[in-house]
Amino acid sequence: MSKACLGKWPAVDVAHAGDHDLTLAIVDDFGPTAVEARRTHLRLFFATATARDGACAALAAASYRAE
């Protein structure tokens, strides 16, 4: 699972997110600040790297591929 910091905002790309609402529900506890729907994935932005890392762990536990 790779993580990005785009500008000053920690972000994660979720490949094959399927139901976007379900994906957002999984990471909701970590306070995503923005979401960008791309052709092949969702890019989720967070206020802190700690929140992003927690979201990545939750996504992995739900069998999502986050990069």
Protein backbone atom coordinates (compact mmCIF):
# COMPACT_ATOMS: atom_id res chain seq x y z
CA MET A 1 0.00 0.00 0.00
CA SER A 2 1.62 3.21 -1.06
CA LYS A 3 0.63 6.60 0.25
CA ALA A 4 0.97 10.01 -1.29
CA CYS A 5 1.24 13.55 -0.09
CA LEU A 6 -0.10 15.80 -2.82
CA GLY A 7 0.99 19.30 -2.04
CA LYS A 8 0.46 19.47 1.70
CA TRP A 9 -2.51 17.10 1.84
CA PRO A 10 -1.98 13.40 2.62
CA ALA A 11 -3.87 11.28 0.10
CA VAL A 12 -4.51 7.67 -0.83
CA ASP A 13 -5.69 6.14 -4.10
CA VAL A 14 -8.26 3.33 -3.81
CA ALA A 15 -8.26 1.09 -6.89
CA HIS A 16 -11.46 -0.63 -8.01
CA ALA A 17 -13.45 1.11 -5.30
CA GLY A 18 -16.75 -0.27 -6.58
CA ASP A 19 -19.52 1.38 -4.57
CA HIS A 20 -18.10 4.81 -3.79
CA ASP A 21 -20.56 5.33 -0.92
CA LEU A 22 -19.36 2.12 0.78
CA THR A 23 -15.73 3.14 0.32
CA LEU A 24 -16.44 6.52 1.90
CA ALA A 25 -18.31 4.87 4.78
CA ILE A 26 -15.23 2.75 5.55
CA VAL A 27 -12.98 5.80 5.86
CA ASP A 28 -15.53 8.19 7.42
CA ASP A 29 -14.11 7.80 10.96
CA PHE A 30 -10.80 9.18 9.68
CA GLY A 31 -12.28 12.46 8.44
CA PRO A 32 -11.59 12.58 4.72
CA THR A 33 -11.46 16.21 3.63
CA ALA A 34 -12.03 15.62 -0.09
CA VAL A 35 -12.60 12.89 -2.64
CA GLU A 36 -11.72 12.92 -6.30
CA ALA A 37 -13.37 10.31 -8.53
CA ARG A 38 -10.97 9.28 -11.26
CA ARG A 39 -11.55 6.90 -14.13
CA THR A 40 -10.02 3.86 -12.43
CA HIS A 41 -9.91 4.81 -8.75
CA LEU A 42 -10.90 7.19 -5.99
CA ARG A 43 -8.37 9.60 -4.52
CA LEU A 44 -9.10 10.41 -0.89
CA PHE A 45 -7.52 13.35 0.91
CA PHE A 46 -7.01 13.71 4.66
CA ALA A 47 -5.94 16.49 7.01
CA THR A 48 -3.07 14.46 8.51
CA ALA A 49 -0.84 11.55 7.57
CA THR A 50 -2.07 9.76 10.71
CA ALA A 51 -5.68 9.94 9.49
CA ARG A 52 -4.61 8.73 6.04
CA ASP A 53 -2.70 5.81 7.54
CA GLY A 54 -5.69 4.83 9.68
CA ALA A 55 -7.94 4.94 6.62
CA CYS A 56 -5.47 2.74 4.73
CA ALA A 57 -5.56 0.17 7.52
CA ALA A 58 -9.38 0.18 7.53
CA LEU A 59 -9.48 -0.20 3.75
CA ALA A 60 -7.01 -3.11 3.87
CA ALA A 61 -9.12 -4.81 6.56
CA ALA A 62 -12.12 -4.52 4.21
CA SER A 63 -10.06 -6.08 1.36
CA TYR A 64 -9.70 -2.86 -0.63
CA ARG A 65 -6.50 -2.09 -2.51
CA ALA A 66 -5.17 1.33 -1.52
CA GLU A 67 -2.06 2.79 -3.12
